[in-house]
Amino acid sequence: MSKKNPQVEVKANTITEKIDGLDQEVTELTIGKKSIGKIIPVEKGFTVQFPNAQSIFVKTEDEGFEALIRSWNLQD
């Protein structure tokens, strides 16, 4: 018998943070009330920042969303 996966509400919130002394708009991805990471626009793509302080570079924002959700899915 297969088990159904519960539905999970994922939200992308745009927040403003100070990065290198400048105010910059950052997309924060949350599941429920827990933040699973941030996507920060940089010159030629995006930096994905995970809650454990690791970060990776991706070319598109969608790749950033996928990386954060994949990481959360592996850990929870």
C-alpha atoms as a PDB file:
ATOM      1  CA  MET A   1       0.000   0.000   0.000  1.00  0.00           C
ATOM      2  CA  SER A   2       1.389   3.408  -0.892  1.00  0.00           C
ATOM      3  CA  LYS A   3       1.560   6.212   1.607  1.00  0.00           C
ATOM      4  CA  LYS A   4       0.348   9.687   0.587  1.00  0.00           C
ATOM      5  CA  ASN A   5       2.692  12.577   1.155  1.00  0.00           C
ATOM      6  CA  PRO A   6       1.155  15.397   3.200  1.00  0.00           C
ATOM      7  CA  GLN A   7       0.678  18.732   1.474  1.00  0.00           C
ATOM      8  CA  VAL A   8       3.251  21.334   2.456  1.00  0.00           C
ATOM      9  CA  GLU A   9       2.763  25.087   2.080  1.00  0.00           C
ATOM     10  CA  VAL A  10       5.829  26.776   0.588  1.00  0.00           C
ATOM     11  CA  LYS A  11       6.017  30.585   0.546  1.00  0.00           C
ATOM     12  CA  ALA A  12       8.478  32.927  -1.117  1.00  0.00           C
ATOM     13  CA  ASN A  13       8.707  36.258   0.728  1.00  0.00           C
ATOM     14  CA  THR A  14      10.645  39.252  -0.554  1.00  0.00           C
ATOM     15  CA  ILE A  15      12.531  40.962   2.255  1.00  0.00           C
ATOM     16  CA  THR A  16      15.135  43.717   2.393  1.00  0.00           C
ATOM     17  CA  GLU A  17      18.510  42.956   3.987  1.00  0.00           C
ATOM     18  CA  LYS A  18      21.750  44.849   4.320  1.00  0.00           C
ATOM     19  CA  ILE A  19      24.406  43.058   2.263  1.00  0.00           C
ATOM     20  CA  ASP A  20      27.863  44.628   2.069  1.00  0.00           C
ATOM     21  CA  GLY A  21      26.401  47.860   3.445  1.00  0.00           C
ATOM     22  CA  LEU A  22      23.680  48.124   0.792  1.00  0.00           C
ATOM     23  CA  ASP A  23      19.957  47.425   1.123  1.00  0.00           C
ATOM     24  CA  GLN A  24      19.126  44.554  -1.205  1.00  0.00           C
ATOM     25  CA  GLU A  25      15.915  42.650  -1.914  1.00  0.00           C
ATOM     26  CA  VAL A  26      16.255  38.970  -1.009  1.00  0.00           C
ATOM     27  CA  THR A  27      13.764  36.140  -1.511  1.00  0.00           C
ATOM     28  CA  GLU A  28      13.276  34.032   1.621  1.00  0.00           C
ATOM     29  CA  LEU A  29      11.697  30.609   1.188  1.00  0.00           C
ATOM     30  CA  THR A  30       9.630  29.318   4.107  1.00  0.00           C
ATOM     31  CA  ILE A  31       7.781  26.092   4.791  1.00  0.00           C
ATOM     32  CA  GLY A  32       5.187  26.691   7.461  1.00  0.00           C
ATOM     33  CA  LYS A  33       6.936  29.048   9.881  1.00  0.00           C
ATOM     34  CA  LYS A  34      10.434  27.650   9.239  1.00  0.00           C
ATOM     35  CA  SER A  35      12.850  29.442   6.910  1.00  0.00           C
ATOM     36  CA  ILE A  36      14.622  26.983   4.612  1.00  0.00           C
ATOM     37  CA  GLY A  37      16.936  29.508   2.957  1.00  0.00           C
ATOM     38  CA  LYS A  38      17.412  32.678   0.958  1.00  0.00           C
ATOM     39  CA  ILE A  39      17.985  33.518  -2.687  1.00  0.00           C
ATOM     40  CA  ILE A  40      20.154  36.584  -3.196  1.00  0.00           C
ATOM     41  CA  PRO A  41      20.521  38.190  -6.645  1.00  0.00           C
ATOM     42  CA  VAL A  42      24.129  38.755  -7.724  1.00  0.00           C
ATOM     43  CA  GLU A  43      25.657  40.115 -10.917  1.00  0.00           C
ATOM     44  CA  LYS A  44      25.225  37.077 -13.204  1.00  0.00           C
ATOM     45  CA  GLY A  45      22.803  34.848 -11.314  1.00  0.00           C
ATOM     46  CA  PHE A  46      21.792  34.090  -7.747  1.00  0.00           C
ATOM     47  CA  THR A  47      23.423  32.939  -4.534  1.00  0.00           C
ATOM     48  CA  VAL A  48      21.417  30.379  -2.587  1.00  0.00           C
ATOM     49  CA  GLN A  49      22.055  30.577   1.152  1.00  0.00           C
ATOM     50  CA  PHE A  50      21.076  27.542   3.223  1.00  0.00           C
ATOM     51  CA  PRO A  51      20.245  27.699   6.974  1.00  0.00           C
ATOM     52  CA  ASN A  52      23.539  25.948   7.826  1.00  0.00           C
ATOM     53  CA  ALA A  53      25.453  28.950   6.361  1.00  0.00           C
ATOM     54  CA  GLN A  54      26.489  27.087   3.191  1.00  0.00           C
ATOM     55  CA  SER A  55      25.831  28.759  -0.129  1.00  0.00           C
ATOM     56  CA  ILE A  56      25.869  27.860  -3.814  1.00  0.00           C
ATOM     57  CA  PHE A  57      25.646  29.807  -7.079  1.00  0.00           C
ATOM     58  CA  VAL A  58      22.805  29.170  -9.550  1.00  0.00           C
ATOM     59  CA  LYS A  59      21.925  30.808 -12.859  1.00  0.00           C
ATOM     60  CA  THR A  60      18.170  31.253 -12.323  1.00  0.00           C
ATOM     61  CA  GLU A  61      15.873  31.908  -9.393  1.00  0.00           C
ATOM     62  CA  ASP A  62      13.940  28.726 -10.215  1.00  0.00           C
ATOM     63  CA  GLU A  63      17.138  26.683  -9.797  1.00  0.00           C
ATOM     64  CA  GLY A  64      17.521  28.346  -6.405  1.00  0.00           C
ATOM     65  CA  PHE A  65      14.002  27.330  -5.362  1.00  0.00           C
ATOM     66  CA  GLU A  66      14.675  23.752  -6.471  1.00  0.00           C
ATOM     67  CA  ALA A  67      17.973  23.592  -4.564  1.00  0.00           C
ATOM     68  CA  LEU A  68      16.393  24.851  -1.337  1.00  0.00           C
ATOM     69  CA  ILE A  69      13.411  22.500  -1.538  1.00  0.00           C
ATOM     70  CA  ARG A  70      15.667  19.545  -2.432  1.00  0.00           C
ATOM     71  CA  SER A  71      17.914  20.295   0.552  1.00  0.00           C
ATOM     72  CA  TRP A  72      14.938  20.638   2.922  1.00  0.00           C
ATOM     73  CA  ASN A  73      13.422  17.421   1.595  1.00  0.00           C
ATOM     74  CA  LEU A  74      16.639  15.499   2.328  1.00  0.00           C
ATOM     75  CA  GLN A  75      16.965  16.841   5.857  1.00  0.00           C
ATOM     76  CA  ASP A  76      13.348  16.525   7.063  1.00  0.00           C
END
